[in-house]
């Protein structure tokens, strides 16, 4: 499937315009997400119609606590992610090339039919980074809306505003992973930047998408309470004080196997700060 967001360069190279990385790819090479590749001067999404994971989940698992609580959703993922988080919980499917993982052949219409067959009221694009296969998400989400189903995006929010604007009309809810409130930490731990994520949060909220935020607190990385207070203050000052905030407990994983689990006391301290700053709905996850 040809990608919708790129431009051709000299010598057969292409520049992907989907996310802030703006990967420039020579013929045969893939971008950082590993799933968007230059094939003879055409940028191809190699995972369109090829989800590697399908499941039926409670909506609270996304986590979404204030959007149709008590219901279930059809969850799907394709391989790929434009971040390289050292603590990635799904690295077996997010940090690999598509050929390394098995997949289903399911066009957008078949995903909608599968959702209806299992009587799920909505679809969640989750587990990896759905914005890296935005064409598949957008086509499926459009058909889902036509069938009366809702669409959920579980995302790290690292995307350019143009492509995001085209997707927003098809979204109903999103959980956005706000990894920290430090650009330096974003660069060091995830290989990206903070500001594009903040831009995504505001764009979704302003478009009327129901937004819930998740902040995974990693000991010694992003557990500084002054920074957490700054993050909570930004959330409130930008009109998101009524949106749920989930502080999630870290456990050793992937390239952070030597980092201890987050103390419960740290999560509780973060929750107190969030409430002091005016966030009305604060939840502790993995605790």
C-alpha atoms as a PDB file:
ATOM      1  CA  UNK A   1       0.000   0.000   0.000  1.00  0.00           C
ATOM      2  CA  UNK A   2       1.467   3.361  -1.013  1.00  0.00           C
ATOM      3  CA  UNK A   3       1.841   5.737   1.897  1.00  0.00           C
ATOM      4  CA  UNK A   4      -0.020   9.028   1.845  1.00  0.00           C
ATOM      5  CA  UNK A   5       2.578  11.252   3.473  1.00  0.00           C
ATOM      6  CA  UNK A   6       5.917  11.514   1.703  1.00  0.00           C
ATOM      7  CA  UNK A   7       7.792  13.279  -1.069  1.00  0.00           C
ATOM      8  CA  UNK A   8      10.244  12.046  -3.650  1.00  0.00           C
ATOM      9  CA  UNK A   9      13.824  13.305  -3.509  1.00  0.00           C
ATOM     10  CA  UNK A  10      16.773  13.121  -5.859  1.00  0.00           C
ATOM     11  CA  UNK A  11      18.552   9.838  -6.615  1.00  0.00           C
ATOM     12  CA  UNK A  12      15.438   7.777  -5.858  1.00  0.00           C
ATOM     13  CA  UNK A  13      15.249   8.720  -2.213  1.00  0.00           C
ATOM     14  CA  UNK A  14      11.976   9.532  -0.415  1.00  0.00           C
ATOM     15  CA  UNK A  15      11.267  11.628   2.672  1.00  0.00           C
ATOM     16  CA  UNK A  16       8.483  10.425   4.962  1.00  0.00           C
ATOM     17  CA  UNK A  17       6.309  13.300   6.200  1.00  0.00           C
ATOM     18  CA  UNK A  18       4.211  11.344   8.684  1.00  0.00           C
ATOM     19  CA  UNK A  19       6.113  11.985  11.911  1.00  0.00           C
ATOM     20  CA  UNK A  20       8.690  14.521  13.134  1.00  0.00           C
ATOM     21  CA  UNK A  21      11.594  12.186  12.329  1.00  0.00           C
ATOM     22  CA  UNK A  22      11.088  12.954   8.608  1.00  0.00           C
ATOM     23  CA  UNK A  23      13.078   9.848   7.701  1.00  0.00           C
ATOM     24  CA  UNK A  24      14.935  10.034   4.394  1.00  0.00           C
ATOM     25  CA  UNK A  25      15.135   6.576   2.820  1.00  0.00           C
ATOM     26  CA  UNK A  26      17.271   5.313  -0.009  1.00  0.00           C
ATOM     27  CA  UNK A  27      15.760   2.662  -2.246  1.00  0.00           C
ATOM     28  CA  UNK A  28      15.076  -0.506  -0.255  1.00  0.00           C
ATOM     29  CA  UNK A  29      15.534   1.158   3.119  1.00  0.00           C
ATOM     30  CA  UNK A  30      12.937   1.589   5.862  1.00  0.00           C
ATOM     31  CA  UNK A  31      12.369   4.459   8.261  1.00  0.00           C
ATOM     32  CA  UNK A  32      12.773   4.325  12.022  1.00  0.00           C
ATOM     33  CA  UNK A  33       9.374   2.685  12.389  1.00  0.00           C
ATOM     34  CA  UNK A  34      10.628  -0.241  10.245  1.00  0.00           C
ATOM     35  CA  UNK A  35       7.235  -0.593   8.543  1.00  0.00           C
ATOM     36  CA  UNK A  36       7.429   2.261   5.993  1.00  0.00           C
ATOM     37  CA  UNK A  37       9.909   1.536   3.216  1.00  0.00           C
ATOM     38  CA  UNK A  38      11.155   3.018  -0.053  1.00  0.00           C
ATOM     39  CA  UNK A  39      10.322   0.684  -2.935  1.00  0.00           C
ATOM     40  CA  UNK A  40      11.736   2.110  -6.167  1.00  0.00           C
ATOM     41  CA  UNK A  41      10.955   5.693  -5.219  1.00  0.00           C
ATOM     42  CA  UNK A  42       7.530   4.960  -3.734  1.00  0.00           C
ATOM     43  CA  UNK A  43       6.982   4.958   0.023  1.00  0.00           C
ATOM     44  CA  UNK A  44       5.093   1.786   0.950  1.00  0.00           C
ATOM     45  CA  UNK A  45       3.333   0.900   4.194  1.00  0.00           C
ATOM     46  CA  UNK A  46       4.346  -2.741   4.454  1.00  0.00           C
ATOM     47  CA  UNK A  47       1.791  -3.570   7.152  1.00  0.00           C
ATOM     48  CA  UNK A  48      -1.422  -2.284   5.535  1.00  0.00           C
ATOM     49  CA  UNK A  49      -4.054  -4.973   6.028  1.00  0.00           C
ATOM     50  CA  UNK A  50      -1.592  -7.141   7.967  1.00  0.00           C
ATOM     51  CA  UNK A  51      -2.323  -6.907  11.708  1.00  0.00           C
ATOM     52  CA  UNK A  52       0.060  -8.997  13.785  1.00  0.00           C
ATOM     53  CA  UNK A  53      -2.126  -9.007  16.895  1.00  0.00           C
ATOM     54  CA  UNK A  54      -5.893  -9.230  17.467  1.00  0.00           C
ATOM     55  CA  UNK A  55      -7.749  -9.490  20.771  1.00  0.00           C
ATOM     56  CA  UNK A  56     -10.942  -8.541  22.538  1.00  0.00           C
ATOM     57  CA  UNK A  57     -10.148  -6.357  25.552  1.00  0.00           C
ATOM     58  CA  UNK A  58     -12.065  -4.544  28.246  1.00  0.00           C
ATOM     59  CA  UNK A  59     -11.898  -0.867  27.422  1.00  0.00           C
ATOM     60  CA  UNK A  60     -10.346  -0.177  30.823  1.00  0.00           C
ATOM     61  CA  UNK A  61      -7.202  -2.006  29.637  1.00  0.00           C
ATOM     62  CA  UNK A  62      -6.340   0.763  27.148  1.00  0.00           C
ATOM     63  CA  UNK A  63      -6.591   2.416  29.775  1.00  0.00           C
ATOM     64  CA  UNK A  64      -9.816   4.362  29.276  1.00  0.00           C
ATOM     65  CA  UNK A  65     -11.874   4.760  32.443  1.00  0.00           C
ATOM     66  CA  UNK A  66     -14.368   7.453  31.403  1.00  0.00           C
ATOM     67  CA  UNK A  67     -15.237   6.343  27.866  1.00  0.00           C
ATOM     68  CA  UNK A  68     -17.970   3.685  27.719  1.00  0.00           C
ATOM     69  CA  UNK A  69     -16.766   1.915  30.913  1.00  0.00           C
ATOM     70  CA  UNK A  70     -17.699  -1.725  31.200  1.00  0.00           C
ATOM     71  CA  UNK A  71     -17.617  -2.359  27.453  1.00  0.00           C
ATOM     72  CA  UNK A  72     -15.177  -4.300  25.303  1.00  0.00           C
ATOM     73  CA  UNK A  73     -13.348  -3.445  22.114  1.00  0.00           C
ATOM     74  CA  UNK A  74     -11.651  -5.267  19.292  1.00  0.00           C
ATOM     75  CA  UNK A  75      -7.933  -4.483  19.629  1.00  0.00           C
ATOM     76  CA  UNK A  76      -5.538  -4.686  16.714  1.00  0.00           C
ATOM     77  CA  UNK A  77      -1.889  -3.896  16.066  1.00  0.00           C
ATOM     78  CA  UNK A  78       0.574  -3.972  13.201  1.00  0.00           C
ATOM     79  CA  UNK A  79       4.324  -4.118  13.679  1.00  0.00           C
ATOM     80  CA  UNK A  80       6.292  -0.914  14.080  1.00  0.00           C
ATOM     81  CA  UNK A  81       6.876   2.128  16.235  1.00  0.00           C
ATOM     82  CA  UNK A  82       8.576   5.467  15.616  1.00  0.00           C
ATOM     83  CA  UNK A  83       9.958   5.489  19.165  1.00  0.00           C
ATOM     84  CA  UNK A  84      12.676   3.192  20.519  1.00  0.00           C
ATOM     85  CA  UNK A  85      11.778   3.192  24.209  1.00  0.00           C
ATOM     86  CA  UNK A  86      14.261   1.319  26.365  1.00  0.00           C
ATOM     87  CA  UNK A  87      11.389   0.106  28.545  1.00  0.00           C
ATOM     88  CA  UNK A  88       9.074  -1.036  25.720  1.00  0.00           C
ATOM     89  CA  UNK A  89       6.575  -3.643  26.921  1.00  0.00           C
ATOM     90  CA  UNK A  90       5.708  -4.830  23.409  1.00  0.00           C
ATOM     91  CA  UNK A  91       9.160  -4.787  21.831  1.00  0.00           C
ATOM     92  CA  UNK A  92       8.577  -8.208  20.253  1.00  0.00           C
ATOM     93  CA  UNK A  93       6.147  -6.583  17.795  1.00  0.00           C
ATOM     94  CA  UNK A  94       7.006  -2.873  17.946  1.00  0.00           C
ATOM     95  CA  UNK A  95      10.782  -3.023  17.516  1.00  0.00           C
ATOM     96  CA  UNK A  96      10.969  -5.516  14.644  1.00  0.00           C
ATOM     97  CA  UNK A  97      10.577  -5.500  10.874  1.00  0.00           C
ATOM     98  CA  UNK A  98       7.250  -6.874   9.571  1.00  0.00           C
ATOM     99  CA  UNK A  99       8.837 -10.022   8.132  1.00  0.00           C
ATOM    100  CA  UNK A 100       9.894 -11.138  11.613  1.00  0.00           C
ATOM    101  CA  UNK A 101       6.331 -11.496  12.872  1.00  0.00           C
ATOM    102  CA  UNK A 102       3.329 -13.481  11.667  1.00  0.00           C
ATOM    103  CA  UNK A 103       0.222 -11.618  10.618  1.00  0.00           C
ATOM    104  CA  UNK A 104      -3.404 -11.905   9.495  1.00  0.00           C
ATOM    105  CA  UNK A 105      -4.616 -10.766   6.073  1.00  0.00           C
ATOM    106  CA  UNK A 106      -7.516  -8.471   6.971  1.00  0.00           C
ATOM    107  CA  UNK A 107      -8.687  -5.499   4.962  1.00  0.00           C
ATOM    108  CA  UNK A 108     -10.441  -2.624   6.760  1.00  0.00           C
ATOM    109  CA  UNK A 109     -13.881  -3.957   5.816  1.00  0.00           C
ATOM    110  CA  UNK A 110     -13.000  -7.344   7.292  1.00  0.00           C
ATOM    111  CA  UNK A 111     -11.896  -5.734  10.558  1.00  0.00           C
ATOM    112  CA  UNK A 112     -15.276  -4.027  10.816  1.00  0.00           C
ATOM    113  CA  UNK A 113     -17.066  -7.296  10.080  1.00  0.00           C
ATOM    114  CA  UNK A 114     -14.973  -9.057  12.735  1.00  0.00           C
ATOM    115  CA  UNK A 115     -15.858  -6.374  15.256  1.00  0.00           C
ATOM    116  CA  UNK A 116     -19.567  -6.764  14.498  1.00  0.00           C
ATOM    117  CA  UNK A 117     -19.337 -10.559  14.574  1.00  0.00           C
ATOM    118  CA  UNK A 118     -17.984 -10.438  18.118  1.00  0.00           C
ATOM    119  CA  UNK A 119     -20.467  -7.730  19.137  1.00  0.00           C
ATOM    120  CA  UNK A 120     -17.822  -5.210  20.101  1.00  0.00           C
ATOM    121  CA  UNK A 121     -19.039  -1.596  19.959  1.00  0.00           C
ATOM    122  CA  UNK A 122     -15.646  -0.259  18.937  1.00  0.00           C
ATOM    123  CA  UNK A 123     -12.118  -0.828  17.664  1.00  0.00           C
ATOM    124  CA  UNK A 124      -8.885   0.028  19.469  1.00  0.00           C
ATOM    125  CA  UNK A 125      -5.681   0.594  17.501  1.00  0.00           C
ATOM    126  CA  UNK A 126      -3.128  -0.288  20.141  1.00  0.00           C
ATOM    127  CA  UNK A 127      -0.164  -2.371  21.446  1.00  0.00           C
ATOM    128  CA  UNK A 128       2.383  -0.843  19.013  1.00  0.00           C
ATOM    129  CA  UNK A 129       2.218   2.669  17.501  1.00  0.00           C
ATOM    130  CA  UNK A 130      -0.890   2.932  15.300  1.00  0.00           C
ATOM    131  CA  UNK A 131       0.182   6.261  13.840  1.00  0.00           C
ATOM    132  CA  UNK A 132       2.947   4.472  11.921  1.00  0.00           C
ATOM    133  CA  UNK A 133       0.268   2.593   9.957  1.00  0.00           C
ATOM    134  CA  UNK A 134      -2.051   5.580   9.779  1.00  0.00           C
ATOM    135  CA  UNK A 135      -3.446   4.662   6.335  1.00  0.00           C
ATOM    136  CA  UNK A 136      -4.787   1.349   7.653  1.00  0.00           C
ATOM    137  CA  UNK A 137      -6.149   3.034  10.777  1.00  0.00           C
ATOM    138  CA  UNK A 138      -7.859   5.810   8.818  1.00  0.00           C
ATOM    139  CA  UNK A 139      -9.501   3.494   6.277  1.00  0.00           C
ATOM    140  CA  UNK A 140     -10.697   1.107   8.980  1.00  0.00           C
ATOM    141  CA  UNK A 141     -11.883   3.903  11.252  1.00  0.00           C
ATOM    142  CA  UNK A 142     -13.902   5.518   8.463  1.00  0.00           C
ATOM    143  CA  UNK A 143     -15.726   2.258   7.749  1.00  0.00           C
ATOM    144  CA  UNK A 144     -16.196   1.681  11.476  1.00  0.00           C
ATOM    145  CA  UNK A 145     -17.956   5.036  11.841  1.00  0.00           C
ATOM    146  CA  UNK A 146     -20.180   4.234   8.880  1.00  0.00           C
ATOM    147  CA  UNK A 147     -21.146   1.024  10.696  1.00  0.00           C
ATOM    148  CA  UNK A 148     -21.903   2.870  13.941  1.00  0.00           C
ATOM    149  CA  UNK A 149     -18.753   1.714  15.738  1.00  0.00           C
ATOM    150  CA  UNK A 150     -16.391   3.977  17.634  1.00  0.00           C
ATOM    151  CA  UNK A 151     -12.592   4.214  17.267  1.00  0.00           C
ATOM    152  CA  UNK A 152      -9.930   4.377  19.965  1.00  0.00           C
ATOM    153  CA  UNK A 153      -6.277   5.286  19.439  1.00  0.00           C
ATOM    154  CA  UNK A 154      -3.691   4.194  22.006  1.00  0.00           C
ATOM    155  CA  UNK A 155      -0.643   6.178  21.041  1.00  0.00           C
ATOM    156  CA  UNK A 156       2.565   7.918  22.028  1.00  0.00           C
ATOM    157  CA  UNK A 157       1.359  10.847  19.926  1.00  0.00           C
ATOM    158  CA  UNK A 158       4.495  11.376  17.827  1.00  0.00           C
ATOM    159  CA  UNK A 159       3.056  12.583  14.530  1.00  0.00           C
ATOM    160  CA  UNK A 160       3.010  15.637  12.299  1.00  0.00           C
ATOM    161  CA  UNK A 161      -0.056  17.822  12.583  1.00  0.00           C
ATOM    162  CA  UNK A 162      -1.132  17.549   8.928  1.00  0.00           C
ATOM    163  CA  UNK A 163      -1.616  13.770   8.899  1.00  0.00           C
ATOM    164  CA  UNK A 164      -3.154  13.914  12.365  1.00  0.00           C
ATOM    165  CA  UNK A 165      -5.737  16.480  11.251  1.00  0.00           C
ATOM    166  CA  UNK A 166      -6.942  14.106   8.536  1.00  0.00           C
ATOM    167  CA  UNK A 167      -7.344  11.271  11.049  1.00  0.00           C
ATOM    168  CA  UNK A 168      -9.073  13.236  13.824  1.00  0.00           C
ATOM    169  CA  UNK A 169     -12.610  13.212  12.338  1.00  0.00           C
ATOM    170  CA  UNK A 170     -12.571   9.407  12.513  1.00  0.00           C
ATOM    171  CA  UNK A 171     -11.506   9.173  16.179  1.00  0.00           C
ATOM    172  CA  UNK A 172     -13.712   9.066  19.248  1.00  0.00           C
ATOM    173  CA  UNK A 173     -11.243   8.519  22.081  1.00  0.00           C
ATOM    174  CA  UNK A 174      -7.515   8.258  22.709  1.00  0.00           C
ATOM    175  CA  UNK A 175      -5.140   7.346  25.465  1.00  0.00           C
ATOM    176  CA  UNK A 176      -1.916   9.256  24.911  1.00  0.00           C
ATOM    177  CA  UNK A 177       1.310   8.181  26.583  1.00  0.00           C
ATOM    178  CA  UNK A 178       2.928  11.317  28.007  1.00  0.00           C
ATOM    179  CA  UNK A 179       6.252   9.730  28.874  1.00  0.00           C
ATOM    180  CA  UNK A 180       7.710  12.642  30.818  1.00  0.00           C
ATOM    181  CA  UNK A 181       7.765  16.418  30.825  1.00  0.00           C
ATOM    182  CA  UNK A 182      11.400  16.647  29.736  1.00  0.00           C
ATOM    183  CA  UNK A 183      12.665  16.825  26.188  1.00  0.00           C
ATOM    184  CA  UNK A 184      16.022  15.465  27.340  1.00  0.00           C
ATOM    185  CA  UNK A 185      14.371  12.351  28.788  1.00  0.00           C
ATOM    186  CA  UNK A 186      12.320  11.874  25.625  1.00  0.00           C
ATOM    187  CA  UNK A 187      15.497  11.944  23.553  1.00  0.00           C
ATOM    188  CA  UNK A 188      17.500   9.701  25.886  1.00  0.00           C
ATOM    189  CA  UNK A 189      14.892   7.035  26.639  1.00  0.00           C
ATOM    190  CA  UNK A 190      12.568   7.066  23.612  1.00  0.00           C
ATOM    191  CA  UNK A 191      14.466   8.696  20.753  1.00  0.00           C
ATOM    192  CA  UNK A 192      12.070  11.576  20.173  1.00  0.00           C
ATOM    193  CA  UNK A 193      10.982  14.983  21.426  1.00  0.00           C
ATOM    194  CA  UNK A 194       8.351  16.239  23.849  1.00  0.00           C
ATOM    195  CA  UNK A 195       6.732  19.137  21.972  1.00  0.00           C
ATOM    196  CA  UNK A 196       5.136  17.120  19.143  1.00  0.00           C
ATOM    197  CA  UNK A 197       3.442  14.944  21.771  1.00  0.00           C
ATOM    198  CA  UNK A 198       2.054  18.014  23.544  1.00  0.00           C
ATOM    199  CA  UNK A 199       0.822  19.311  20.181  1.00  0.00           C
ATOM    200  CA  UNK A 200      -0.984  16.013  19.571  1.00  0.00           C
ATOM    201  CA  UNK A 201      -2.661  16.111  22.989  1.00  0.00           C
ATOM    202  CA  UNK A 202      -3.982  19.623  22.383  1.00  0.00           C
ATOM    203  CA  UNK A 203      -5.081  18.887  18.809  1.00  0.00           C
ATOM    204  CA  UNK A 204      -7.068  15.836  19.877  1.00  0.00           C
ATOM    205  CA  UNK A 205      -8.699  17.647  22.779  1.00  0.00           C
ATOM    206  CA  UNK A 206      -9.607  20.650  20.637  1.00  0.00           C
ATOM    207  CA  UNK A 207     -11.102  18.341  17.989  1.00  0.00           C
ATOM    208  CA  UNK A 208     -13.475  16.848  20.546  1.00  0.00           C
ATOM    209  CA  UNK A 209     -11.728  13.489  20.875  1.00  0.00           C
ATOM    210  CA  UNK A 210     -12.085  12.077  24.396  1.00  0.00           C
ATOM    211  CA  UNK A 211      -8.534  12.124  25.809  1.00  0.00           C
ATOM    212  CA  UNK A 212      -7.037  10.271  28.751  1.00  0.00           C
ATOM    213  CA  UNK A 213      -3.317  10.538  29.551  1.00  0.00           C
ATOM    214  CA  UNK A 214      -0.902   7.936  30.891  1.00  0.00           C
ATOM    215  CA  UNK A 215       2.403   8.676  32.577  1.00  0.00           C
ATOM    216  CA  UNK A 216       4.567   5.634  33.319  1.00  0.00           C
ATOM    217  CA  UNK A 217       6.811   6.573  36.251  1.00  0.00           C
ATOM    218  CA  UNK A 218      10.269   4.974  35.995  1.00  0.00           C
ATOM    219  CA  UNK A 219      12.529   5.165  39.073  1.00  0.00           C
ATOM    220  CA  UNK A 220      15.537   7.389  38.518  1.00  0.00           C
ATOM    221  CA  UNK A 221      14.299   8.454  35.076  1.00  0.00           C
ATOM    222  CA  UNK A 222      11.129  10.534  35.260  1.00  0.00           C
ATOM    223  CA  UNK A 223      10.148  10.356  38.933  1.00  0.00           C
ATOM    224  CA  UNK A 224      11.230  13.889  39.827  1.00  0.00           C
ATOM    225  CA  UNK A 225       8.237  15.407  41.624  1.00  0.00           C
ATOM    226  CA  UNK A 226       9.026  18.939  40.488  1.00  0.00           C
ATOM    227  CA  UNK A 227       8.830  17.794  36.872  1.00  0.00           C
ATOM    228  CA  UNK A 228       5.623  15.876  37.568  1.00  0.00           C
ATOM    229  CA  UNK A 229       4.119  19.007  39.086  1.00  0.00           C
ATOM    230  CA  UNK A 230       5.104  21.008  35.987  1.00  0.00           C
ATOM    231  CA  UNK A 231       3.447  18.376  33.814  1.00  0.00           C
ATOM    232  CA  UNK A 232       0.243  18.445  35.849  1.00  0.00           C
ATOM    233  CA  UNK A 233       0.203  22.238  35.812  1.00  0.00           C
ATOM    234  CA  UNK A 234       0.528  22.219  32.006  1.00  0.00           C
ATOM    235  CA  UNK A 235      -2.360  19.769  31.756  1.00  0.00           C
ATOM    236  CA  UNK A 236      -4.643  21.995  33.830  1.00  0.00           C
ATOM    237  CA  UNK A 237      -3.549  25.251  32.211  1.00  0.00           C
ATOM    238  CA  UNK A 238      -4.417  23.806  28.803  1.00  0.00           C
ATOM    239  CA  UNK A 239      -7.959  22.871  29.755  1.00  0.00           C
ATOM    240  CA  UNK A 240      -7.396  19.171  30.427  1.00  0.00           C
ATOM    241  CA  UNK A 241      -8.019  19.164  34.167  1.00  0.00           C
ATOM    242  CA  UNK A 242     -11.233  17.179  33.735  1.00  0.00           C
ATOM    243  CA  UNK A 243      -9.528  14.475  31.641  1.00  0.00           C
ATOM    244  CA  UNK A 244      -8.351  11.353  33.510  1.00  0.00           C
ATOM    245  CA  UNK A 245      -4.645  11.019  34.228  1.00  0.00           C
ATOM    246  CA  UNK A 246      -3.207   7.536  34.806  1.00  0.00           C
ATOM    247  CA  UNK A 247       0.073   7.173  36.697  1.00  0.00           C
ATOM    248  CA  UNK A 248       1.372   3.720  35.841  1.00  0.00           C
ATOM    249  CA  UNK A 249       3.849   1.590  37.776  1.00  0.00           C
ATOM    250  CA  UNK A 250       7.026   0.509  35.980  1.00  0.00           C
ATOM    251  CA  UNK A 251       8.385  -3.035  36.136  1.00  0.00           C
ATOM    252  CA  UNK A 252      11.812  -4.128  34.802  1.00  0.00           C
ATOM    253  CA  UNK A 253      11.588  -4.895  31.099  1.00  0.00           C
ATOM    254  CA  UNK A 254      13.482  -4.918  27.791  1.00  0.00           C
ATOM    255  CA  UNK A 255      16.602  -2.732  28.043  1.00  0.00           C
ATOM    256  CA  UNK A 256      15.683  -1.562  31.556  1.00  0.00           C
ATOM    257  CA  UNK A 257      15.820  -4.948  33.234  1.00  0.00           C
ATOM    258  CA  UNK A 258      18.103  -3.594  35.962  1.00  0.00           C
ATOM    259  CA  UNK A 259      15.735  -0.783  37.016  1.00  0.00           C
ATOM    260  CA  UNK A 260      13.600  -1.644  40.067  1.00  0.00           C
ATOM    261  CA  UNK A 261       9.792  -1.442  40.098  1.00  0.00           C
ATOM    262  CA  UNK A 262       8.243   1.906  40.948  1.00  0.00           C
ATOM    263  CA  UNK A 263       7.536   2.199  44.694  1.00  0.00           C
ATOM    264  CA  UNK A 264       3.848   2.561  45.448  1.00  0.00           C
ATOM    265  CA  UNK A 265       4.741   5.603  47.558  1.00  0.00           C
ATOM    266  CA  UNK A 266       6.064   7.321  44.422  1.00  0.00           C
ATOM    267  CA  UNK A 267       2.772   6.779  42.606  1.00  0.00           C
ATOM    268  CA  UNK A 268       0.821   8.048  45.600  1.00  0.00           C
ATOM    269  CA  UNK A 269       3.002  11.166  45.802  1.00  0.00           C
ATOM    270  CA  UNK A 270       2.421  11.848  42.097  1.00  0.00           C
ATOM    271  CA  UNK A 271      -1.317  11.438  42.589  1.00  0.00           C
ATOM    272  CA  UNK A 272      -1.337  13.969  45.450  1.00  0.00           C
ATOM    273  CA  UNK A 273       0.535  16.474  43.282  1.00  0.00           C
ATOM    274  CA  UNK A 274      -1.890  16.002  40.386  1.00  0.00           C
ATOM    275  CA  UNK A 275      -4.847  16.573  42.673  1.00  0.00           C
ATOM    276  CA  UNK A 276      -3.227  19.634  44.235  1.00  0.00           C
ATOM    277  CA  UNK A 277      -2.754  21.093  40.744  1.00  0.00           C
ATOM    278  CA  UNK A 278      -6.428  20.587  39.922  1.00  0.00           C
ATOM    279  CA  UNK A 279      -6.654  17.313  38.003  1.00  0.00           C
ATOM    280  CA  UNK A 280      -9.975  15.810  39.048  1.00  0.00           C
ATOM    281  CA  UNK A 281      -9.600  12.174  38.036  1.00  0.00           C
ATOM    282  CA  UNK A 282      -6.268  10.512  38.876  1.00  0.00           C
ATOM    283  CA  UNK A 283      -5.736   6.761  38.742  1.00  0.00           C
ATOM    284  CA  UNK A 284      -2.839   4.455  39.627  1.00  0.00           C
ATOM    285  CA  UNK A 285      -2.128   1.631  37.168  1.00  0.00           C
ATOM    286  CA  UNK A 286      -0.161  -1.651  37.517  1.00  0.00           C
ATOM    287  CA  UNK A 287      -0.410  -1.133  41.268  1.00  0.00           C
END
